[in-house]
Protein backbone atom coordinates (compact mmCIF):
# COMPACT_ATOMS: atom_id res chain seq x y z
CA MET A 1 35.46 17.68 -12.30
CA ALA A 2 32.75 16.85 -9.87
CA LYS A 3 32.90 13.45 -8.05
CA LYS A 4 29.97 11.22 -8.80
CA THR A 5 28.14 10.09 -5.84
CA LYS A 6 26.97 6.45 -5.31
CA THR A 7 23.27 5.99 -6.01
CA LYS A 8 21.21 5.26 -2.91
CA ILE A 9 17.90 3.48 -2.70
CA LEU A 10 15.81 4.36 0.43
CA VAL A 11 13.58 1.51 1.45
CA PRO A 12 11.00 2.23 4.23
CA ILE A 13 10.38 -0.90 6.32
CA ASP A 14 7.95 -2.04 8.86
CA PHE A 15 8.52 -5.73 8.51
CA SER A 16 5.10 -6.27 6.80
CA ASP A 17 4.79 -8.58 3.75
CA GLN A 18 4.67 -5.70 1.53
CA SER A 19 7.76 -3.95 2.80
CA MET A 20 9.67 -7.25 2.59
CA ILE A 21 8.62 -7.47 -1.01
CA ALA A 22 9.84 -3.87 -1.59
CA LEU A 23 13.23 -4.72 0.03
CA GLY A 24 13.51 -7.78 -2.32
CA GLN A 25 12.90 -5.56 -5.33
CA SER A 26 15.35 -2.95 -4.02
CA PHE A 27 18.04 -5.53 -4.29
CA ASN A 28 17.29 -6.23 -7.87
CA LEU A 29 17.59 -2.34 -8.55
CA ALA A 30 20.81 -1.97 -6.50
CA LYS A 31 22.45 -4.72 -8.62
CA VAL A 32 21.41 -2.96 -11.95
CA TYR A 33 22.34 0.46 -10.90
CA ASP A 34 25.23 -0.48 -8.53
CA ALA A 35 23.39 1.27 -5.77
CA GLU A 36 23.48 1.37 -1.93
CA ILE A 37 20.41 0.39 -0.14
CA LEU A 38 19.34 2.33 2.92
CA LEU A 39 16.60 1.03 5.35
CA LEU A 40 14.31 3.27 7.19
CA PHE A 41 12.15 2.55 10.15
CA VAL A 42 10.35 5.34 11.82
CA ILE A 43 9.50 5.56 15.45
CA ASP A 44 7.20 8.32 16.40
CA ASP A 45 8.57 9.36 19.72
CA ALA A 46 7.31 13.01 19.78
CA GLY A 47 4.06 12.21 21.51
CA LEU A 48 3.14 12.78 25.10
CA PHE A 49 2.98 9.06 25.86
CA THR A 50 6.62 8.63 25.21
CA LYS A 51 7.56 11.03 27.92
CA PHE A 52 6.21 8.43 30.36
CA ALA A 53 7.60 5.44 28.48
CA ASP A 54 11.21 6.18 27.80
CA LYS A 55 12.48 2.90 29.17
CA LYS A 56 9.87 0.99 27.09
CA LEU A 57 10.72 3.06 23.92
CA SER A 58 14.46 2.40 24.52
CA GLY A 59 13.78 -1.44 24.63
CA TYR A 60 11.64 -1.20 21.44
CA LYS A 61 14.41 0.72 19.59
CA LYS A 62 16.83 -1.92 20.58
CA GLU A 63 14.60 -4.74 19.47
CA ILE A 64 13.84 -2.99 16.05
CA GLN A 65 17.74 -2.55 15.63
CA LYS A 66 18.24 -6.34 16.20
CA LYS A 67 15.53 -7.13 13.71
CA ILE A 68 17.13 -4.84 11.15
CA ASP A 69 20.63 -6.22 11.78
CA LYS A 70 19.17 -9.82 11.40
CA LEU A 71 17.43 -8.85 8.26
CA ILE A 72 20.64 -7.28 6.78
CA ASP A 73 22.71 -10.32 7.51
CA GLU A 74 20.18 -12.68 5.96
CA SER A 75 19.65 -10.53 2.91
CA SER A 76 23.36 -10.03 2.59
CA LYS A 77 23.86 -13.89 2.49
CA LYS A 78 20.94 -14.49 0.11
CA ASN A 79 21.65 -11.59 -2.31
CA GLU A 80 25.55 -11.81 -2.11
CA ILE A 81 25.75 -8.17 -0.98
CA GLY A 82 27.92 -6.50 1.63
CA ARG A 83 27.17 -4.47 4.72
CA ALA A 84 27.83 -0.75 4.60
CA GLN A 85 30.28 0.43 7.21
């Protein structure tokens, strides 16, 4: 018998008001479907500019990771959910 995989909800996030609303709705869906939430933030680092700004891009990635970690921690407390390992 095949193992059932856990349902996942992919939530693209850019920290705008709309993406925060979508994140809030994803918590409701995750509770109903016992699903895991995956956050996605896209950084376009394929351009010519990034070849000249690697240090700045690295700092930007770290800043975004901190924002996402903070958002997860705050949301976990508010919505009584756990952090995926």
